[in-house]
Amino acid sequence: MRRALLGILGVAMGTVLLVAAKARQPVPAPAPGPAALAMPAGPAATVRLPAGTYTVTGPVERTPHGVVQLRISVAGGRLVDVVALRLPVGGRSTEVNQRAVPVLRREAIAAQSAHIHAVSGATNTSRAYAGSLQAALDAAVHGARH
């Protein structure tokens, strides 16, 4: 009887300790939904672009489905347009990019940076888009204009 009581007491103490330890752990942020995956943006969310009117072409970014390359247009120190020069084509890529690229463009112009959200179903294109965009913005900041 004494053994059973000690066993029950031991299990109860262990359960209390586990619950207490769990209660002290920070609660992780919920994972974003598929349409709201934040893209890396580098050191600053908003970029200060030099004044003037100019364009800058970003580098080619590779995806498993093809390449992405962008050209940005700046006027008055603000990002005013993003044009996709190269995108993955063929198969489902064309359909996905027709839907995703306008969304990515709007987000980039609204954010004035490459801190944009991935488009659901176009994660690879979204990452490559953000990469080429960030490189073009960096080039603009450092004076590489066309």
N, C-alpha and C. Protein backbone atom coordinates (compact mmCIF):
# COMPACT_ATOMS: atom_id res chain seq x y z
N MET A 1 0.82 -1.17 0.00
CA MET A 1 0.00 0.00 0.00
C MET A 1 0.87 1.25 0.00
N ARG A 2 1.94 1.20 0.80
CA ARG A 2 2.86 2.32 0.87
C ARG A 2 3.53 2.56 -0.48
N ARG A 3 3.91 1.50 -1.17
CA ARG A 3 4.53 1.60 -2.49
C ARG A 3 3.59 2.26 -3.49
N ALA A 4 2.35 1.84 -3.50
CA ALA A 4 1.36 2.39 -4.42
C ALA A 4 1.16 3.88 -4.16
N LEU A 5 1.11 4.26 -2.89
CA LEU A 5 0.94 5.65 -2.53
C LEU A 5 2.13 6.49 -2.98
N LEU A 6 3.35 5.96 -2.78
CA LEU A 6 4.55 6.66 -3.22
C LEU A 6 4.59 6.76 -4.75
N GLY A 7 4.14 5.72 -5.44
CA GLY A 7 4.10 5.74 -6.91
C GLY A 7 3.13 6.80 -7.42
N ILE A 8 1.96 6.86 -6.83
CA ILE A 8 0.96 7.85 -7.24
C ILE A 8 1.47 9.26 -6.94
N LEU A 9 2.07 9.43 -5.78
CA LEU A 9 2.62 10.73 -5.41
C LEU A 9 3.74 11.14 -6.36
N GLY A 10 4.57 10.21 -6.77
CA GLY A 10 5.65 10.50 -7.71
C GLY A 10 5.12 10.93 -9.07
N VAL A 11 4.10 10.23 -9.56
CA VAL A 11 3.50 10.59 -10.85
C VAL A 11 2.86 11.97 -10.75
N ALA A 12 2.17 12.22 -9.64
CA ALA A 12 1.52 13.52 -9.47
C ALA A 12 2.55 14.64 -9.44
N MET A 13 3.65 14.46 -8.73
CA MET A 13 4.72 15.47 -8.65
C MET A 13 5.35 15.69 -10.04
N GLY A 14 5.59 14.63 -10.74
CA GLY A 14 6.15 14.75 -12.09
C GLY A 14 5.23 15.53 -13.01
N THR A 15 3.93 15.25 -12.92
CA THR A 15 2.96 15.96 -13.75
C THR A 15 2.93 17.44 -13.40
N VAL A 16 2.96 17.76 -12.11
CA VAL A 16 2.95 19.15 -11.68
C VAL A 16 4.20 19.87 -12.19
N LEU A 17 5.36 19.23 -12.10
CA LEU A 17 6.59 19.84 -12.58
C LEU A 17 6.55 20.07 -14.09
N LEU A 18 6.04 19.13 -14.85
CA LEU A 18 5.93 19.29 -16.31
C LEU A 18 4.98 20.43 -16.67
N VAL A 19 3.85 20.49 -16.01
CA VAL A 19 2.87 21.55 -16.29
C VAL A 19 3.47 22.90 -15.93
N ALA A 20 4.16 22.99 -14.81
CA ALA A 20 4.77 24.26 -14.39
C ALA A 20 5.85 24.68 -15.37
N ALA A 21 6.67 23.75 -15.83
CA ALA A 21 7.72 24.07 -16.80
C ALA A 21 7.11 24.53 -18.11
N LYS A 22 6.06 23.89 -18.55
CA LYS A 22 5.38 24.25 -19.80
C LYS A 22 4.78 25.64 -19.69
N ALA A 23 4.24 25.99 -18.53
CA ALA A 23 3.61 27.29 -18.33
C ALA A 23 4.63 28.42 -18.40
N ARG A 24 5.88 28.17 -18.07
CA ARG A 24 6.91 29.20 -18.10
C ARG A 24 7.50 29.42 -19.48
N GLN A 25 7.28 28.51 -20.42
CA GLN A 25 7.82 28.67 -21.76
C GLN A 25 7.03 29.72 -22.52
N PRO A 26 7.74 30.56 -23.31
CA PRO A 26 7.01 31.55 -24.10
C PRO A 26 6.17 30.85 -25.16
N VAL A 27 5.04 31.42 -25.43
CA VAL A 27 4.16 30.85 -26.45
C VAL A 27 4.66 31.31 -27.81
N PRO A 28 4.95 30.38 -28.73
CA PRO A 28 5.43 30.81 -30.04
C PRO A 28 4.32 31.51 -30.82
N ALA A 29 4.74 32.43 -31.68
CA ALA A 29 3.77 33.13 -32.52
C ALA A 29 3.14 32.13 -33.47
N PRO A 30 1.87 32.30 -33.78
CA PRO A 30 1.24 31.37 -34.70
C PRO A 30 1.88 31.48 -36.08
N ALA A 31 1.97 30.36 -36.74
CA ALA A 31 2.54 30.35 -38.09
C ALA A 31 1.63 31.12 -39.02
N PRO A 32 2.22 31.95 -39.91
CA PRO A 32 1.36 32.70 -40.81
C PRO A 32 0.67 31.79 -41.79
N GLY A 33 -0.47 32.23 -42.27
CA GLY A 33 -1.20 31.47 -43.28
C GLY A 33 -0.42 31.45 -44.57
N PRO A 34 -0.82 30.63 -45.51
CA PRO A 34 -0.05 30.49 -46.74
C PRO A 34 0.04 31.78 -47.55
N ALA A 35 -0.89 32.69 -47.39
CA ALA A 35 -0.85 33.92 -48.17
C ALA A 35 -0.10 35.03 -47.44
N ALA A 36 0.46 34.75 -46.28
CA ALA A 36 1.10 35.81 -45.51
C ALA A 36 2.46 35.38 -45.00
N LEU A 37 3.28 34.82 -45.82
CA LEU A 37 4.62 34.43 -45.43
C LEU A 37 5.54 35.61 -45.65
N ALA A 38 6.12 36.14 -44.59
CA ALA A 38 6.97 37.30 -44.73
C ALA A 38 8.27 36.93 -45.44
N MET A 39 8.69 37.80 -46.31
CA MET A 39 9.93 37.60 -47.04
C MET A 39 11.04 38.37 -46.34
N PRO A 40 12.25 37.88 -46.36
CA PRO A 40 13.36 38.60 -45.75
C PRO A 40 13.57 39.93 -46.45
N ALA A 41 13.92 40.95 -45.69
CA ALA A 41 14.05 42.27 -46.29
C ALA A 41 15.39 42.92 -46.06
N GLY A 42 16.33 42.26 -45.42
CA GLY A 42 17.60 42.91 -45.17
C GLY A 42 17.53 43.76 -43.91
N PRO A 43 18.48 44.67 -43.76
CA PRO A 43 18.59 45.40 -42.52
C PRO A 43 17.45 46.38 -42.25
N ALA A 44 16.89 47.02 -43.25
CA ALA A 44 15.84 48.01 -43.02
C ALA A 44 14.63 47.67 -43.84
N ALA A 45 13.46 47.91 -43.28
CA ALA A 45 12.23 47.60 -43.99
C ALA A 45 11.99 48.57 -45.14
N THR A 46 12.19 49.88 -44.91
CA THR A 46 11.98 50.88 -45.95
C THR A 46 13.33 51.42 -46.39
N VAL A 47 13.52 51.52 -47.69
CA VAL A 47 14.80 51.96 -48.24
C VAL A 47 14.72 53.44 -48.58
N ARG A 48 15.76 54.18 -48.28
CA ARG A 48 15.85 55.60 -48.67
C ARG A 48 16.57 55.64 -50.00
N LEU A 49 15.81 55.89 -51.05
CA LEU A 49 16.38 55.93 -52.39
C LEU A 49 16.83 57.35 -52.72
N PRO A 50 17.93 57.47 -53.46
CA PRO A 50 18.37 58.81 -53.88
C PRO A 50 17.32 59.48 -54.76
N ALA A 51 17.25 60.80 -54.66
CA ALA A 51 16.31 61.57 -55.47
C ALA A 51 16.67 61.43 -56.94
N GLY A 52 15.70 61.73 -57.77
CA GLY A 52 15.91 61.67 -59.21
C GLY A 52 14.96 60.67 -59.84
N THR A 53 15.05 60.58 -61.15
CA THR A 53 14.24 59.64 -61.91
C THR A 53 15.19 58.71 -62.64
N TYR A 54 15.09 57.43 -62.34
CA TYR A 54 16.01 56.46 -62.94
C TYR A 54 15.45 55.06 -62.81
N THR A 55 16.09 54.13 -63.50
CA THR A 55 15.74 52.71 -63.40
C THR A 55 16.98 51.93 -63.00
N VAL A 56 16.75 50.79 -62.37
CA VAL A 56 17.83 49.89 -61.98
C VAL A 56 17.35 48.47 -62.25
N THR A 57 18.20 47.69 -62.88
CA THR A 57 17.87 46.29 -63.15
C THR A 57 18.50 45.40 -62.08
N GLY A 58 17.68 44.56 -61.49
CA GLY A 58 18.16 43.63 -60.48
C GLY A 58 18.80 42.42 -61.14
N PRO A 59 19.49 41.62 -60.37
CA PRO A 59 20.14 40.43 -60.92
C PRO A 59 19.12 39.32 -61.19
N VAL A 60 19.56 38.34 -61.92
CA VAL A 60 18.75 37.15 -62.16
C VAL A 60 18.77 36.31 -60.90
N GLU A 61 17.60 35.92 -60.43
CA GLU A 61 17.46 35.04 -59.27
C GLU A 61 16.90 33.72 -59.78
N ARG A 62 17.52 32.63 -59.42
CA ARG A 62 17.11 31.31 -59.90
C ARG A 62 16.08 30.67 -58.96
N THR A 63 15.12 29.97 -59.57
CA THR A 63 14.15 29.18 -58.82
C THR A 63 14.19 27.78 -59.42
N PRO A 64 13.56 26.81 -58.79
CA PRO A 64 13.51 25.47 -59.37
C PRO A 64 12.76 25.43 -60.71
N HIS A 65 12.00 26.49 -60.99
CA HIS A 65 11.17 26.49 -62.19
C HIS A 65 11.66 27.43 -63.28
N GLY A 66 12.70 28.19 -63.01
CA GLY A 66 13.23 29.15 -63.97
C GLY A 66 13.85 30.32 -63.25
N VAL A 67 13.94 31.45 -63.92
CA VAL A 67 14.61 32.62 -63.35
C VAL A 67 13.64 33.79 -63.22
N VAL A 68 13.99 34.69 -62.30
CA VAL A 68 13.24 35.92 -62.09
C VAL A 68 14.24 37.07 -62.15
N GLN A 69 13.89 38.12 -62.88
CA GLN A 69 14.70 39.33 -62.93
C GLN A 69 13.77 40.53 -63.01
N LEU A 70 14.08 41.55 -62.24
CA LEU A 70 13.22 42.74 -62.16
C LEU A 70 13.97 44.00 -62.55
N ARG A 71 13.20 45.00 -62.96
CA ARG A 71 13.72 46.35 -63.16
C ARG A 71 12.83 47.28 -62.34
N ILE A 72 13.46 48.12 -61.52
CA ILE A 72 12.70 49.07 -60.73
C ILE A 72 12.80 50.46 -61.36
N SER A 73 11.75 51.24 -61.15
CA SER A 73 11.75 52.64 -61.57
C SER A 73 11.57 53.49 -60.33
N VAL A 74 12.41 54.52 -60.24
CA VAL A 74 12.39 55.43 -59.09
C VAL A 74 12.13 56.83 -59.62
N ALA A 75 11.28 57.56 -58.93
CA ALA A 75 11.03 58.97 -59.25
C ALA A 75 10.90 59.72 -57.93
N GLY A 76 11.66 60.79 -57.80
CA GLY A 76 11.59 61.59 -56.58
C GLY A 76 11.99 60.83 -55.34
N GLY A 77 12.87 59.87 -55.48
CA GLY A 77 13.32 59.09 -54.33
C GLY A 77 12.33 58.03 -53.86
N ARG A 78 11.32 57.75 -54.68
CA ARG A 78 10.32 56.73 -54.32
C ARG A 78 10.26 55.66 -55.39
N LEU A 79 10.06 54.44 -54.96
CA LEU A 79 9.85 53.32 -55.88
C LEU A 79 8.48 53.51 -56.50
N VAL A 80 8.43 53.67 -57.84
CA VAL A 80 7.15 53.92 -58.50
C VAL A 80 6.69 52.77 -59.38
N ASP A 81 7.63 51.88 -59.76
CA ASP A 81 7.22 50.75 -60.59
C ASP A 81 8.23 49.62 -60.45
N VAL A 82 7.73 48.41 -60.64
CA VAL A 82 8.57 47.22 -60.68
C VAL A 82 8.09 46.41 -61.88
N VAL A 83 9.00 46.13 -62.79
CA VAL A 83 8.67 45.39 -64.00
C VAL A 83 9.44 44.07 -63.97
N ALA A 84 8.74 42.98 -64.19
CA ALA A 84 9.38 41.67 -64.27
C ALA A 84 9.92 41.49 -65.68
N LEU A 85 11.24 41.43 -65.81
CA LEU A 85 11.87 41.24 -67.11
C LEU A 85 11.91 39.76 -67.49
N ARG A 86 12.12 38.92 -66.49
CA ARG A 86 12.18 37.47 -66.73
C ARG A 86 11.43 36.76 -65.61
N LEU A 87 10.63 35.79 -66.01
CA LEU A 87 9.87 34.96 -65.07
C LEU A 87 9.87 33.52 -65.56
N PRO A 88 9.70 32.56 -64.66
CA PRO A 88 9.55 31.18 -65.10
C PRO A 88 8.31 31.05 -66.00
N VAL A 89 8.45 30.32 -67.08
CA VAL A 89 7.33 30.12 -68.00
C VAL A 89 7.16 28.63 -68.28
N GLY A 90 5.97 28.32 -68.75
CA GLY A 90 5.68 26.94 -69.12
C GLY A 90 4.99 26.20 -67.99
N GLY A 91 4.16 25.29 -68.38
CA GLY A 91 3.43 24.49 -67.39
C GLY A 91 2.60 25.37 -66.48
N ARG A 92 2.61 25.05 -65.23
CA ARG A 92 1.83 25.79 -64.25
C ARG A 92 2.47 27.12 -63.88
N SER A 93 3.77 27.28 -64.16
CA SER A 93 4.48 28.52 -63.80
C SER A 93 3.84 29.75 -64.40
N THR A 94 3.44 29.68 -65.66
CA THR A 94 2.84 30.83 -66.31
C THR A 94 1.57 31.26 -65.59
N GLU A 95 0.73 30.31 -65.29
CA GLU A 95 -0.53 30.60 -64.59
C GLU A 95 -0.28 31.18 -63.20
N VAL A 96 0.63 30.57 -62.47
CA VAL A 96 0.94 31.03 -61.11
C VAL A 96 1.49 32.45 -61.15
N ASN A 97 2.41 32.72 -62.06
CA ASN A 97 3.04 34.03 -62.12
C ASN A 97 2.08 35.12 -62.60
N GLN A 98 1.13 34.78 -63.46
CA GLN A 98 0.14 35.77 -63.88
C GLN A 98 -0.68 36.25 -62.69
N ARG A 99 -0.88 35.37 -61.74
CA ARG A 99 -1.64 35.72 -60.54
C ARG A 99 -0.75 36.38 -59.50
N ALA A 100 0.48 35.89 -59.33
CA ALA A 100 1.34 36.33 -58.23
C ALA A 100 2.06 37.65 -58.50
N VAL A 101 2.55 37.87 -59.69
CA VAL A 101 3.40 39.03 -59.95
C VAL A 101 2.68 40.36 -59.71
N PRO A 102 1.43 40.54 -60.13
CA PRO A 102 0.77 41.82 -59.82
C PRO A 102 0.64 42.07 -58.31
N VAL A 103 0.42 41.02 -57.55
CA VAL A 103 0.32 41.15 -56.09
C VAL A 103 1.67 41.55 -55.52
N LEU A 104 2.73 40.90 -55.95
CA LEU A 104 4.07 41.21 -55.47
C LEU A 104 4.46 42.65 -55.83
N ARG A 105 4.11 43.08 -57.04
CA ARG A 105 4.41 44.44 -57.48
C ARG A 105 3.71 45.46 -56.58
N ARG A 106 2.41 45.25 -56.34
CA ARG A 106 1.66 46.18 -55.48
C ARG A 106 2.26 46.25 -54.08
N GLU A 107 2.61 45.09 -53.54
CA GLU A 107 3.19 45.06 -52.19
C GLU A 107 4.53 45.79 -52.14
N ALA A 108 5.36 45.60 -53.16
CA ALA A 108 6.67 46.25 -53.19
C ALA A 108 6.52 47.76 -53.23
N ILE A 109 5.62 48.25 -54.07
CA ILE A 109 5.42 49.70 -54.18
C ILE A 109 4.82 50.25 -52.89
N ALA A 110 3.89 49.55 -52.31
CA ALA A 110 3.28 50.00 -51.06
C ALA A 110 4.30 50.01 -49.92
N ALA A 111 5.15 48.99 -49.86
CA ALA A 111 6.13 48.88 -48.78
C ALA A 111 7.35 49.76 -49.02
N GLN A 112 7.59 50.14 -50.28
CA GLN A 112 8.80 50.88 -50.64
C GLN A 112 10.05 50.11 -50.23
N SER A 113 9.95 48.78 -50.32
CA SER A 113 11.06 47.92 -49.95
C SER A 113 10.81 46.51 -50.47
N ALA A 114 11.73 45.63 -50.17
CA ALA A 114 11.56 44.22 -50.54
C ALA A 114 10.94 43.43 -49.40
N HIS A 115 10.47 44.12 -48.39
CA HIS A 115 9.80 43.46 -47.26
C HIS A 115 8.35 43.22 -47.67
N ILE A 116 8.16 42.13 -48.41
CA ILE A 116 6.85 41.81 -48.97
C ILE A 116 6.46 40.41 -48.53
N HIS A 117 5.20 40.06 -48.74
CA HIS A 117 4.70 38.74 -48.37
C HIS A 117 4.72 37.83 -49.58
N ALA A 118 4.98 36.57 -49.33
CA ALA A 118 4.92 35.57 -50.39
C ALA A 118 3.47 35.36 -50.80
N VAL A 119 3.27 35.05 -52.06
CA VAL A 119 1.95 34.74 -52.56
C VAL A 119 1.76 33.23 -52.46
N SER A 120 0.65 32.82 -51.90
CA SER A 120 0.35 31.41 -51.73
C SER A 120 0.42 30.69 -53.08
N GLY A 121 1.14 29.60 -53.12
CA GLY A 121 1.29 28.83 -54.35
C GLY A 121 2.41 29.33 -55.23
N ALA A 122 3.05 30.44 -54.85
CA ALA A 122 4.14 31.00 -55.65
C ALA A 122 5.32 31.36 -54.76
N THR A 123 5.61 30.49 -53.82
CA THR A 123 6.66 30.78 -52.85
C THR A 123 8.01 30.96 -53.51
N ASN A 124 8.38 30.10 -54.44
CA ASN A 124 9.68 30.22 -55.09
C ASN A 124 9.78 31.52 -55.88
N THR A 125 8.76 31.84 -56.63
CA THR A 125 8.75 33.09 -57.38
C THR A 125 8.79 34.28 -56.42
N SER A 126 8.04 34.21 -55.33
CA SER A 126 8.01 35.30 -54.35
C SER A 126 9.38 35.54 -53.75
N ARG A 127 10.08 34.49 -53.40
CA ARG A 127 11.43 34.63 -52.82
C ARG A 127 12.39 35.22 -53.84
N ALA A 128 12.34 34.72 -55.07
CA ALA A 128 13.23 35.24 -56.11
C ALA A 128 12.88 36.69 -56.43
N TYR A 129 11.61 37.03 -56.46
CA TYR A 129 11.15 38.39 -56.71
C TYR A 129 11.73 39.32 -55.64
N ALA A 130 11.59 38.93 -54.39
CA ALA A 130 12.11 39.73 -53.28
C ALA A 130 13.62 39.85 -53.36
N GLY A 131 14.30 38.79 -53.77
CA GLY A 131 15.76 38.84 -53.88
C GLY A 131 16.23 39.79 -54.97
N SER A 132 15.63 39.72 -56.15
CA SER A 132 16.01 40.61 -57.24
C SER A 132 15.64 42.06 -56.90
N LEU A 133 14.48 42.23 -56.26
CA LEU A 133 14.04 43.56 -55.84
C LEU A 133 15.00 44.16 -54.83
N GLN A 134 15.39 43.39 -53.82
CA GLN A 134 16.32 43.90 -52.80
C GLN A 134 17.65 44.28 -53.42
N ALA A 135 18.15 43.46 -54.33
CA ALA A 135 19.42 43.77 -54.99
C ALA A 135 19.31 45.04 -55.84
N ALA A 136 18.19 45.22 -56.53
CA ALA A 136 17.99 46.43 -57.33
C ALA A 136 17.91 47.66 -56.42
N LEU A 137 17.22 47.55 -55.29
CA LEU A 137 17.14 48.66 -54.35
C LEU A 137 18.51 48.99 -53.77
N ASP A 138 19.27 47.96 -53.43
CA ASP A 138 20.62 48.17 -52.92
C ASP A 138 21.49 48.87 -53.96
N ALA A 139 21.38 48.43 -55.21
CA ALA A 139 22.15 49.06 -56.29
C ALA A 139 21.76 50.52 -56.46
N ALA A 140 20.45 50.80 -56.35
CA ALA A 140 19.98 52.19 -56.47
C ALA A 140 20.57 53.05 -55.35
N VAL A 141 20.59 52.53 -54.14
CA VAL A 141 21.12 53.27 -53.01
C VAL A 141 22.60 53.57 -53.22
N HIS A 142 23.31 52.64 -53.84
CA HIS A 142 24.76 52.79 -54.04
C HIS A 142 25.11 53.42 -55.39
N GLY A 143 24.11 53.94 -56.10
CA GLY A 143 24.39 54.72 -57.29
C GLY A 143 24.43 53.99 -58.61
N ALA A 144 24.07 52.73 -58.68
CA ALA A 144 24.07 51.98 -59.94
C ALA A 144 22.75 52.21 -60.66
N ARG A 145 22.67 53.30 -61.41
CA ARG A 145 21.43 53.67 -62.08
C ARG A 145 21.58 53.59 -63.59
N HIS A 146 20.43 53.47 -64.26
CA HIS A 146 20.44 53.41 -65.73
C HIS A 146 19.70 54.62 -66.25
